[in-house]
Amino acid sequence: MTTKKKNKIEELIEKLCPEGVEFRKMGDVVIKNNFTQVGAGVLEQLKREAGNIKLLPSSKNYDWWTTEDVAGSYICEGEVITLGRARYANIKYHKGKFVSSNNHIITSKNTDKLMNKFLFHFIAHHVNEFYVTTSTYPKFDSNIFDNFKIPIPPMEVQEEIVKVLDTFTELEQELEQELEQRKKQYEYYRDKLLSFEGEEVEWKELGEVCLHTENINWNTISADDQIHYIDLSSVDRNLHRITETSIITRDEHPSRAQKVIKEGDIIFGTTRPTLMRFCIIPSEYDQQVCSTGFCVLRPDSGLVLKNYIFHILGTKNFYSYVERNQQGTSYPSISDNLIKAFKVPIPYKNGKPDLEKQKQIVSILDKFDALVNGISEGLPKEIKLRRKQYEYYRGKLLDFKEKE
């Protein structure tokens, strides 16, 4: 009868800690929030095309960088793990110089006993347990975190586990970098296709090709009606989809919940920290309400297709226009009127808007967009599979017996 050969980690555990390992409260072994931070608006203004200072927003893991000259006195340095203060964790690990915004910043008290990378993988495995549900959105609970117990295996075991798990995360990062290159390809062809170089088009303001929209009249709403509220964090900046909403009523609603949206509308976030969050409203949010921080565009179907406008809002030309026309300092924003003043190319044929030409362009860009961003297609699917693999082995490797 053959016996299964032990892997290196199993051998180390059998040799160094066969009776189990010590468990300690997180509050006893980590340092929390020992670095200065900046506001979300300031962090985004620091962003540059290149640089050696990592920018760590509380939102998703954007590959944001800046230079030492731009970051100045905001620069921090260390080996850190960051967790968003509210909404979602968006956990990140970084070693080196950085600027952080609205995060809990965590690091090991003694790296001779607890590796920061081991700490990162452990926190990532349990991250959802550190957040509590509130009436608005999940919030990090310091008391739960500080009292949560972490296993402290011998350093040789920690090092081997980190080596294995880093292999998975590095592969995922390589795939994400490839995905980023695909996105740049898509953006290049989208911008080229929508420039209409050498073609005859009419340039019209968005306000000319979109219909009038309205604000909600709360006096006409029943007290029992529950309405989906789309705020500035509801729209995913990368996927351009609504990922979360809150439920509001006539008697309990934010002052910014004012704009009525309909199926097929396009909403665009006009405030700097949420800039370039835009999406087409799907049927399940028809006749619901969004924040005044969105500009609502309702394409006139006789002149322009909603998907055609959607792709135009993603172009560099539109982004540059928004950048030039922002006003304010702390939280720069652009007015709805200025958004609607942006001129878009409308292909014409025989004196009428050529909707077939728009359909052809939309078809090409939709396919490219699906390949790059689709959940079940191409690289995103591969990344999703690799993440599941990583999470499976992470759970196995971090499951220790507590020493009595």
Protein backbone atom coordinates (compact mmCIF):
# COMPACT_ATOMS: atom_id res chain seq x y z
CA MET A 1 0.00 0.00 0.00
CA THR A 2 1.46 3.37 -1.08
CA THR A 3 1.35 6.41 1.20
CA LYS A 4 0.81 9.89 -0.11
CA LYS A 5 4.01 11.91 -0.21
CA LYS A 6 3.88 15.00 2.00
CA ASN A 7 4.53 18.39 0.45
CA LYS A 8 7.09 20.78 1.89
CA ILE A 9 4.59 22.72 4.00
CA GLU A 10 3.19 19.52 5.54
CA GLU A 11 6.71 18.35 6.33
CA LEU A 12 7.55 21.68 8.00
CA ILE A 13 4.38 21.62 10.09
CA GLU A 14 5.04 18.03 11.17
CA LYS A 15 8.60 18.94 12.12
CA LEU A 16 8.13 22.41 13.69
CA CYS A 17 4.61 22.51 15.10
CA PRO A 18 3.00 19.05 15.20
CA GLU A 19 0.89 19.99 18.25
CA GLY A 20 -0.56 23.10 16.60
CA VAL A 21 0.36 26.78 16.55
CA GLU A 22 -0.23 29.80 18.76
CA PHE A 23 -3.23 32.01 17.93
CA ARG A 24 -3.10 35.72 18.82
CA LYS A 25 -5.60 38.56 18.66
CA MET A 26 -4.99 40.83 15.69
CA GLY A 27 -4.92 43.87 17.96
CA ASP A 28 -1.91 42.37 19.77
CA VAL A 29 0.21 41.67 16.69
CA VAL A 30 -0.56 44.46 14.21
CA ILE A 31 -0.23 48.23 14.04
CA LYS A 32 -3.24 50.02 12.57
CA ASN A 33 -3.49 53.52 11.03
CA ASN A 34 0.02 54.70 11.80
CA PHE A 35 0.37 56.58 8.48
CA THR A 36 -1.04 59.91 7.29
CA GLN A 37 -3.65 59.95 4.52
CA VAL A 38 -5.23 62.35 2.04
CA GLY A 39 -8.77 62.88 0.76
CA ALA A 40 -10.05 61.00 -2.30
CA GLY A 41 -10.12 64.18 -4.40
CA VAL A 42 -6.51 65.03 -3.54
CA LEU A 43 -5.34 61.47 -4.32
CA GLU A 44 -6.89 61.49 -7.78
CA GLN A 45 -5.33 64.87 -8.56
CA LEU A 46 -1.89 63.40 -7.77
CA LYS A 47 -2.27 60.72 -10.46
CA ARG A 48 0.24 60.79 -13.33
CA GLU A 49 0.97 58.56 -16.34
CA ALA A 50 4.18 57.30 -14.70
CA GLY A 51 6.08 57.55 -11.45
CA ASN A 52 7.52 55.57 -8.54
CA ILE A 53 5.00 56.51 -5.82
CA LYS A 54 2.05 54.10 -5.56
CA LEU A 55 -1.38 55.65 -5.03
CA LEU A 56 -3.66 53.54 -2.83
CA PRO A 57 -7.33 54.57 -3.04
CA SER A 58 -9.93 52.88 -0.87
CA SER A 59 -11.70 51.86 -4.07
CA LYS A 60 -10.61 49.08 -6.42
CA ASN A 61 -7.01 48.15 -7.17
CA TYR A 62 -6.39 50.75 -9.85
CA ASP A 63 -2.80 50.86 -11.10
CA TRP A 64 -2.30 54.49 -10.07
CA TRP A 65 1.12 56.11 -9.70
CA THR A 66 2.63 59.54 -9.24
CA THR A 67 6.06 61.15 -8.90
CA GLU A 68 7.92 62.31 -5.80
CA ASP A 69 7.76 65.93 -6.97
CA VAL A 70 3.97 65.81 -7.28
CA ALA A 71 3.30 63.82 -4.08
CA GLY A 72 5.66 65.93 -1.95
CA SER A 73 4.88 65.81 1.77
CA TYR A 74 2.06 63.28 1.28
CA ILE A 75 4.56 60.45 0.71
CA CYS A 76 4.64 57.56 3.20
CA GLU A 77 6.92 54.52 3.10
CA GLY A 78 6.56 51.02 4.46
CA GLU A 79 5.26 47.49 3.92
CA VAL A 80 1.52 47.85 4.35
CA ILE A 81 -1.89 46.26 3.85
CA THR A 82 -4.80 48.62 3.16
CA LEU A 83 -8.53 48.09 3.64
CA GLY A 84 -11.23 50.58 2.63
CA ARG A 85 -12.85 52.28 5.62
CA ALA A 86 -16.36 51.66 4.28
CA ARG A 87 -18.41 49.99 1.53
CA TYR A 88 -15.98 47.29 0.38
CA ALA A 89 -12.56 46.20 1.59
CA ASN A 90 -10.62 46.36 -1.72
CA ILE A 91 -7.61 44.94 0.09
CA LYS A 92 -4.15 45.84 -1.21
CA TYR A 93 -0.54 44.99 -0.33
CA HIS A 94 2.32 47.39 -1.06
CA LYS A 95 5.96 47.65 -0.09
CA GLY A 96 7.70 50.94 -0.76
CA LYS A 97 6.65 54.58 -1.09
CA PHE A 98 2.94 55.36 -1.32
CA VAL A 99 0.10 57.81 -0.74
CA SER A 100 -3.13 56.42 0.74
CA SER A 101 -6.69 57.72 0.90
CA ASN A 102 -9.56 56.65 3.20
CA ASN A 103 -8.04 53.29 4.16
CA HIS A 104 -7.27 51.39 7.32
CA ILE A 105 -3.51 50.86 7.00
CA ILE A 106 -2.23 47.71 8.70
CA THR A 107 1.26 46.35 9.27
CA SER A 108 2.87 43.68 11.48
CA LYS A 109 4.27 44.81 14.84
CA ASN A 110 7.14 42.35 14.59
CA THR A 111 8.05 40.97 11.17
CA ASP A 112 10.42 38.46 12.81
CA LYS A 113 7.32 36.76 14.21
CA LEU A 114 4.62 37.64 11.66
CA MET A 115 5.38 38.31 8.00
CA ASN A 116 3.39 41.12 6.43
CA LYS A 117 2.77 38.99 3.35
CA PHE A 118 1.41 36.15 5.52
CA LEU A 119 -0.73 38.72 7.33
CA PHE A 120 -2.00 40.02 3.97
CA HIS A 121 -3.10 36.57 2.78
CA PHE A 122 -4.79 35.85 6.12
CA ILE A 123 -6.69 39.15 6.12
CA ALA A 124 -7.69 38.61 2.49
CA HIS A 125 -9.13 35.19 3.42
CA HIS A 126 -11.28 36.60 6.24
CA VAL A 127 -11.83 40.14 4.97
CA ASN A 128 -15.63 40.03 4.78
CA GLU A 129 -15.79 39.07 8.46
CA PHE A 130 -14.36 42.46 9.46
CA TYR A 131 -17.25 44.43 7.94
CA VAL A 132 -20.71 44.91 9.41
CA THR A 133 -23.89 45.69 7.51
CA THR A 134 -25.47 49.10 8.12
CA SER A 135 -28.55 50.79 6.69
CA THR A 136 -26.39 52.31 3.93
CA TYR A 137 -23.33 50.17 3.21
CA PRO A 138 -20.84 47.77 4.89
CA LYS A 139 -18.41 49.37 7.35
CA PHE A 140 -15.12 48.15 8.79
CA ASP A 141 -15.50 47.26 12.49
CA SER A 142 -12.26 47.83 14.41
CA ASN A 143 -13.49 45.93 17.46
CA ILE A 144 -14.19 42.78 15.43
CA PHE A 145 -10.84 43.11 13.67
CA ASP A 146 -8.79 43.69 16.82
CA ASN A 147 -10.30 40.66 18.58
CA PHE A 148 -10.07 38.32 15.59
CA LYS A 149 -7.51 35.55 16.16
CA ILE A 150 -4.70 34.84 13.70
CA PRO A 151 -2.49 31.71 13.71
CA ILE A 152 1.24 32.44 14.12
CA PRO A 153 3.10 29.43 12.66
CA PRO A 154 6.94 29.28 12.64
CA MET A 155 8.57 31.66 10.15
CA GLU A 156 9.71 28.79 7.89
CA VAL A 157 6.06 27.73 7.49
CA GLN A 158 4.91 31.30 6.88
CA GLU A 159 7.59 31.78 4.22
CA GLU A 160 6.63 28.60 2.36
CA ILE A 161 2.91 29.42 2.45
CA VAL A 162 3.59 32.94 1.17
CA LYS A 163 5.72 31.50 -1.64
CA VAL A 164 2.88 29.25 -2.81
CA LEU A 165 0.14 31.87 -2.54
CA ASP A 166 2.27 34.56 -4.19
CA THR A 167 2.63 32.26 -7.20
CA PHE A 168 -1.13 32.37 -7.67
CA THR A 169 -1.39 36.14 -7.19
CA GLU A 170 1.53 36.81 -9.55
CA LEU A 171 -0.15 34.77 -12.28
CA GLU A 172 -3.36 36.70 -11.71
CA GLN A 173 -1.43 39.98 -11.92
CA GLU A 174 0.14 38.92 -15.23
CA LEU A 175 -3.32 38.20 -16.63
CA GLU A 176 -4.58 41.55 -15.35
CA GLN A 177 -1.67 43.31 -17.06
CA GLU A 178 -2.53 41.55 -20.30
CA LEU A 179 -6.15 42.59 -19.83
CA GLU A 180 -4.98 46.18 -19.35
CA GLN A 181 -3.14 45.98 -22.69
CA ARG A 182 -6.32 44.67 -24.35
CA LYS A 183 -8.23 47.60 -22.87
CA LYS A 184 -5.73 50.03 -24.34
CA GLN A 185 -6.15 48.34 -27.73
CA TYR A 186 -9.92 48.66 -27.43
CA GLU A 187 -9.65 52.31 -26.45
CA TYR A 188 -7.38 53.02 -29.42
CA TYR A 189 -9.76 51.47 -31.97
CA ARG A 190 -12.82 52.99 -30.30
CA ASP A 191 -11.33 56.49 -30.45
CA LYS A 192 -10.23 55.99 -34.06
CA LEU A 193 -13.62 54.62 -35.14
CA LEU A 194 -15.49 57.49 -33.50
CA SER A 195 -13.23 60.22 -34.89
CA PHE A 196 -14.76 59.80 -38.42
CA GLU A 197 -11.58 61.03 -40.09
CA GLY A 198 -12.35 61.95 -43.72
CA GLU A 199 -16.05 61.07 -43.32
CA GLU A 200 -19.01 63.39 -43.57
CA VAL A 201 -20.79 63.85 -40.25
CA GLU A 202 -22.73 66.54 -38.42
CA TRP A 203 -21.48 67.61 -35.04
CA LYS A 204 -24.29 68.14 -32.58
CA GLU A 205 -24.35 68.91 -28.88
CA LEU A 206 -25.45 66.09 -26.58
CA GLY A 207 -28.30 68.31 -25.48
CA GLU A 208 -29.55 68.41 -29.08
CA VAL A 209 -29.75 64.63 -29.44
CA CYS A 210 -31.10 63.86 -25.97
CA LEU A 211 -34.60 64.34 -24.60
CA HIS A 212 -35.69 66.30 -21.53
CA THR A 213 -35.39 64.54 -18.16
CA GLU A 214 -37.23 65.31 -14.95
CA ASN A 215 -36.78 65.42 -11.18
CA ILE A 216 -38.91 63.38 -8.81
CA ASN A 217 -41.91 64.96 -7.12
CA TRP A 218 -41.85 63.35 -3.68
CA ASN A 219 -45.35 64.64 -2.91
CA THR A 220 -46.77 62.23 -5.51
CA ILE A 221 -44.98 59.18 -4.03
CA SER A 222 -46.79 56.84 -1.64
CA ALA A 223 -45.26 56.49 1.82
CA ASP A 224 -45.11 52.71 1.28
CA ASP A 225 -43.21 52.87 -2.03
CA GLN A 226 -39.62 51.62 -1.91
CA ILE A 227 -37.34 53.16 -4.49
CA HIS A 228 -33.86 52.13 -5.63
CA TYR A 229 -31.41 54.99 -5.12
CA ILE A 230 -28.29 55.05 -7.31
CA ASP A 231 -25.62 57.14 -5.63
CA LEU A 232 -22.14 58.04 -6.84
CA SER A 233 -20.63 54.75 -5.68
CA SER A 234 -23.31 52.55 -7.22
CA VAL A 235 -21.71 52.44 -10.67
CA ASP A 236 -18.57 50.35 -11.21
CA ARG A 237 -15.94 52.54 -12.87
CA ASN A 238 -14.45 49.65 -14.88
CA LEU A 239 -17.46 47.53 -15.81
CA HIS A 240 -19.82 50.51 -16.22
CA ARG A 241 -22.63 48.66 -14.48
CA ILE A 242 -24.76 49.31 -11.42
CA THR A 243 -23.37 47.05 -8.69
CA GLU A 244 -25.26 48.23 -5.60
CA THR A 245 -28.14 50.50 -4.65
CA SER A 246 -29.86 51.52 -1.45
CA ILE A 247 -33.61 51.51 -0.83
CA ILE A 248 -35.22 54.85 0.02
CA THR A 249 -38.77 56.07 0.70
CA ARG A 250 -40.70 59.30 0.47
CA ASP A 251 -40.09 60.06 4.15
CA GLU A 252 -36.48 58.86 4.32
CA HIS A 253 -34.35 59.83 1.36
CA PRO A 254 -31.05 61.70 0.84
CA SER A 255 -31.39 65.31 -0.33
CA ARG A 256 -29.38 64.40 -3.44
CA ALA A 257 -31.91 61.72 -4.49
CA GLN A 258 -33.75 63.83 -7.04
CA LYS A 259 -33.34 62.68 -10.64
CA VAL A 260 -35.77 60.21 -12.21
CA ILE A 261 -34.14 57.65 -14.50
CA LYS A 262 -35.69 55.43 -17.15
CA GLU A 263 -34.57 52.28 -18.96
CA GLY A 264 -32.09 53.25 -21.67
CA ASP A 265 -30.96 56.47 -19.98
CA ILE A 266 -27.23 57.03 -19.57
CA ILE A 267 -25.96 58.45 -16.29
CA PHE A 268 -22.55 60.09 -15.93
CA GLY A 269 -20.88 60.99 -12.60
CA THR A 270 -19.88 64.65 -12.74
CA THR A 271 -17.89 64.99 -9.47
CA ARG A 272 -14.13 64.43 -9.55
CA PRO A 273 -13.73 61.42 -7.18
CA THR A 274 -16.39 59.52 -9.14
CA LEU A 275 -15.54 60.90 -12.57
CA MET A 276 -15.97 58.51 -15.53
CA ARG A 277 -18.52 56.37 -13.69
CA PHE A 278 -21.20 55.98 -16.32
CA CYS A 279 -23.62 53.31 -17.47
CA ILE A 280 -26.81 52.58 -19.39
CA ILE A 281 -29.83 52.11 -17.10
CA PRO A 282 -31.16 48.51 -17.36
CA SER A 283 -34.86 47.65 -17.14
CA GLU A 284 -34.81 46.77 -13.41
CA TYR A 285 -34.03 50.42 -12.55
CA ASP A 286 -36.68 51.96 -14.80
CA GLN A 287 -38.49 54.83 -13.02
CA GLN A 288 -36.05 54.81 -10.10
CA VAL A 289 -33.95 57.69 -8.73
CA CYS A 290 -30.30 58.71 -8.98
CA SER A 291 -28.13 61.30 -7.25
CA THR A 292 -27.84 64.89 -8.47
CA GLY A 293 -24.15 64.01 -8.84
CA PHE A 294 -25.08 62.29 -12.13
CA CYS A 295 -25.91 63.96 -15.40
CA VAL A 296 -28.83 62.03 -16.95
CA LEU A 297 -28.78 61.68 -20.75
CA ARG A 298 -31.89 60.34 -22.48
CA PRO A 299 -30.94 59.70 -26.15
CA ASP A 300 -33.56 60.55 -28.77
CA SER A 301 -33.89 57.16 -30.51
CA GLY A 302 -34.76 58.84 -33.79
CA LEU A 303 -31.39 60.58 -33.86
CA VAL A 304 -28.94 58.48 -31.90
CA LEU A 305 -28.56 55.03 -30.34
CA LYS A 306 -28.00 54.80 -26.58
CA ASN A 307 -25.03 52.44 -27.05
CA TYR A 308 -23.50 54.87 -29.52
CA ILE A 309 -23.59 57.66 -26.90
CA PHE A 310 -22.33 55.20 -24.26
CA HIS A 311 -19.17 54.47 -26.29
CA ILE A 312 -18.59 58.17 -27.00
CA LEU A 313 -18.56 58.90 -23.24
CA GLY A 314 -15.59 56.56 -22.92
CA THR A 315 -13.42 58.30 -25.51
CA LYS A 316 -10.29 60.28 -24.70
CA ASN A 317 -11.84 63.24 -26.51
CA PHE A 318 -14.76 63.34 -24.07
CA TYR A 319 -12.52 62.71 -21.04
CA SER A 320 -10.24 65.61 -22.06
CA TYR A 321 -13.28 67.86 -22.48
CA VAL A 322 -14.47 67.00 -18.96
CA GLU A 323 -10.99 67.59 -17.52
CA ARG A 324 -10.79 71.04 -19.14
CA ASN A 325 -14.22 72.12 -17.95
CA GLN A 326 -14.18 71.07 -14.31
CA GLN A 327 -14.69 73.73 -11.68
CA GLY A 328 -13.86 73.84 -7.97
CA THR A 329 -10.78 72.83 -5.97
CA SER A 330 -11.49 70.22 -3.28
CA TYR A 331 -14.00 68.24 -5.36
CA PRO A 332 -13.86 69.54 -8.93
CA SER A 333 -17.02 68.87 -10.94
CA ILE A 334 -18.57 69.63 -14.30
CA SER A 335 -22.11 70.97 -14.70
CA ASP A 336 -24.87 69.11 -16.52
CA ASN A 337 -25.10 72.00 -18.99
CA LEU A 338 -21.45 71.67 -19.94
CA ILE A 339 -21.83 67.90 -20.38
CA LYS A 340 -24.77 68.50 -22.70
CA ALA A 341 -22.74 71.11 -24.63
CA PHE A 342 -20.20 68.46 -25.71
CA LYS A 343 -20.40 67.92 -29.46
CA VAL A 344 -20.74 64.40 -30.85
CA PRO A 345 -20.39 63.21 -34.46
CA ILE A 346 -23.69 62.08 -36.03
CA PRO A 347 -23.27 60.22 -39.34
CA TYR A 348 -25.90 61.22 -41.93
CA LYS A 349 -27.22 59.59 -45.09
CA ASN A 350 -29.63 61.18 -47.56
CA GLY A 351 -30.19 64.05 -45.18
CA LYS A 352 -31.17 61.84 -42.23
CA PRO A 353 -29.25 60.43 -39.24
CA ASP A 354 -27.69 57.16 -40.41
CA LEU A 355 -28.77 54.81 -37.63
CA GLU A 356 -27.48 51.79 -39.56
CA LYS A 357 -23.99 53.26 -39.54
CA GLN A 358 -24.31 53.78 -35.79
CA LYS A 359 -25.44 50.16 -35.39
CA GLN A 360 -22.36 48.93 -37.30
CA ILE A 361 -20.04 50.96 -35.07
CA VAL A 362 -21.85 49.85 -31.90
CA SER A 363 -21.71 46.20 -32.99
CA ILE A 364 -17.92 46.34 -33.45
CA LEU A 365 -17.32 48.15 -30.15
CA ASP A 366 -19.76 45.98 -28.18
CA LYS A 367 -17.92 42.83 -29.29
CA PHE A 368 -14.56 44.33 -28.36
CA ASP A 369 -15.96 45.52 -25.04
CA ALA A 370 -17.42 42.08 -24.29
CA LEU A 371 -14.08 40.43 -25.02
CA VAL A 372 -12.24 42.78 -22.68
CA ASN A 373 -14.79 43.26 -19.91
CA GLY A 374 -17.28 40.39 -20.22
CA ILE A 375 -17.58 38.31 -17.05
CA SER A 376 -17.81 35.03 -18.95
CA GLU A 377 -15.54 35.76 -21.90
CA GLY A 378 -11.82 35.91 -22.60
CA LEU A 379 -9.29 37.10 -20.07
CA PRO A 380 -11.79 38.14 -17.37
CA LYS A 381 -13.00 34.54 -17.23
CA GLU A 382 -9.41 33.28 -16.91
CA ILE A 383 -8.71 35.79 -14.13
CA LYS A 384 -11.86 34.72 -12.32
CA LEU A 385 -10.80 31.05 -12.48
CA ARG A 386 -7.31 31.85 -11.19
CA ARG A 387 -8.81 33.83 -8.30
CA LYS A 388 -11.03 30.89 -7.32
CA GLN A 389 -7.98 28.62 -7.42
CA TYR A 390 -6.02 31.03 -5.22
CA GLU A 391 -8.90 31.32 -2.73
CA TYR A 392 -9.25 27.53 -2.53
CA TYR A 393 -5.58 26.91 -1.72
CA ARG A 394 -5.43 29.95 0.57
CA GLY A 395 -8.20 28.44 2.68
CA LYS A 396 -6.40 25.09 2.83
CA LEU A 397 -2.98 26.52 3.70
CA LEU A 398 -4.21 28.93 6.39
CA ASP A 399 -6.22 26.32 8.29
CA PHE A 400 -4.16 25.60 11.41
CA LYS A 401 -4.84 23.66 14.59
CA GLU A 402 -4.61 25.86 17.68
CA LYS A 403 -2.00 24.78 20.20
CA GLU A 404 -3.52 24.02 23.60
